[in-house]
Protein backbone atom coordinates (compact mmCIF):
# COMPACT_ATOMS: atom_id res chain seq x y z
CA MET A 1 -0.02 0.02 0.03
CA MET A 2 1.40 3.41 -1.00
CA LYS A 3 1.47 6.19 1.57
CA LYS A 4 -0.50 9.22 0.86
CA LYS A 5 1.49 12.47 0.70
CA THR A 6 -0.27 13.62 3.89
CA ASP A 7 0.94 10.46 5.70
CA ILE A 8 4.68 11.35 5.25
CA LYS A 9 6.18 13.50 7.97
CA ALA A 10 8.25 16.26 6.51
CA GLU A 11 11.64 16.79 8.16
CA PRO A 12 12.31 20.36 9.11
CA LYS A 13 14.94 22.09 6.92
CA SER A 14 16.70 23.46 9.98
CA TYR A 15 16.49 22.54 13.65
CA TRP A 16 18.62 22.08 16.77
CA ASN A 17 19.04 19.61 19.55
CA PHE A 18 21.51 18.91 22.38
CA ARG A 19 24.44 16.65 21.71
CA VAL A 20 27.48 15.55 23.57
CA LEU A 21 30.71 17.04 22.04
CA ALA A 22 34.24 15.83 22.67
CA ASP A 23 36.93 18.45 22.94
CA PRO A 24 40.63 17.45 23.16
CA TYR A 25 42.75 19.10 25.87
CA MET A 26 46.36 19.25 26.77
CA ASN A 27 47.84 20.63 29.96
CA LYS A 28 51.08 20.68 31.75
CA SER A 29 51.30 19.64 35.45
CA ASN A 30 53.54 21.28 38.02
CA ASN A 31 56.08 18.48 37.63
CA GLY A 32 56.25 19.05 33.81
CA THR A 33 54.21 16.11 32.79
CA ILE A 34 52.00 16.70 29.72
CA ASN A 35 48.45 15.41 30.20
CA GLU A 36 46.21 14.83 27.21
CA GLY A 37 42.71 13.70 27.03
CA VAL A 38 39.16 14.49 26.02
CA MET A 39 36.59 16.51 27.85
CA PHE A 40 32.88 15.90 27.11
CA ARG A 41 30.31 18.66 27.16
CA ILE A 42 26.65 19.04 26.11
CA ALA A 43 25.88 21.94 23.74
CA GLU A 44 23.19 22.93 21.19
CA VAL A 45 23.93 21.52 17.70
CA PHE A 46 22.36 23.22 14.70
CA TYR A 47 21.24 21.26 11.58
CA SER A 48 20.51 22.23 8.02
CA ASP A 49 18.80 19.53 5.91
CA GLY A 50 19.53 16.98 8.67
CA VAL A 51 23.36 17.65 8.65
CA PRO A 52 25.09 19.19 11.66
CA ASN A 53 26.40 22.59 10.62
CA GLY A 54 27.34 24.35 13.88
CA HIS A 55 27.28 24.29 17.60
CA GLY A 56 26.94 26.57 20.52
CA VAL A 57 28.73 26.96 23.75
CA SER A 58 27.86 24.81 26.75
CA THR A 59 25.30 26.32 29.11
CA PHE A 60 22.95 25.05 31.70
CA SER A 61 20.58 27.72 32.78
CA ALA A 62 16.94 28.37 32.31
CA GLU A 63 14.31 31.13 33.08
CA THR A 64 12.04 28.76 34.97
CA ILE A 65 12.27 25.39 36.84
CA ASP A 66 9.97 23.88 34.19
CA ASN A 67 12.36 24.98 31.39
CA LEU A 68 15.31 23.55 33.44
CA LEU A 69 13.50 20.26 33.77
CA TRP A 70 12.77 20.22 30.00
CA MET A 71 16.53 20.96 29.34
CA THR A 72 17.49 18.11 31.67
CA GLU A 73 15.30 15.67 29.70
CA ARG A 74 16.89 16.87 26.42
CA TYR A 75 20.38 16.50 27.94
CA THR A 76 19.49 12.94 28.82
CA GLU A 77 18.43 12.27 25.31
CA ALA A 78 21.77 13.75 24.10
CA ILE A 79 23.75 11.15 26.03
CA SER A 80 22.06 8.39 24.07
CA LYS A 81 23.18 9.78 20.68
CA PRO A 82 26.63 9.44 19.14
CA VAL A 83 29.25 11.93 20.44
CA LEU A 84 30.44 14.55 17.99
CA TRP A 85 33.88 16.28 18.00
CA GLY A 86 33.59 19.80 19.32
CA ASP A 87 36.80 21.11 17.69
CA SER A 88 37.75 21.56 14.03
CA ARG A 89 36.65 17.95 13.35
CA PHE A 90 33.00 18.91 13.95
CA PRO A 91 30.59 17.21 12.86
CA LEU A 92 32.57 13.96 12.75
CA GLU A 93 31.67 11.45 15.36
CA TYR A 94 34.05 10.87 18.25
CA LYS A 95 35.07 7.18 18.55
CA THR A 96 36.84 5.74 21.56
CA GLU A 97 39.74 3.33 21.08
CA GLU A 98 37.46 0.50 21.91
CA GLU A 99 35.05 1.29 19.08
C-alpha cells in the first residue's frame, strides 16, 4: 500500500538539539608532565537539511524550573546519541579506542 502524501512526515529544513561534544585538551602539570585527554560537554547543535552545521557553547541555565526540567530531559536524550567532536573535526563522530 502506498502512503499518501499527507501520511509522510516532512523533516524540518533546519532545527537544533542537544548533543554531547568531545573536545581534546592538553595541559602541563607542576612536575612538567604533559596530560592529554578528551573533555565531554553538552551543547546545542544546529542542523540544516539533517546535517550538523554548527554548535553553541555549553550552558545550563533556564528562566524557569519547568524549562530547566525540560533541558535536563533533552540532555538525557543527548547522552544516548553518538558523540560529536567539538573542535575543528565537527561534525565527525568521536570514537573511543574500543570502538
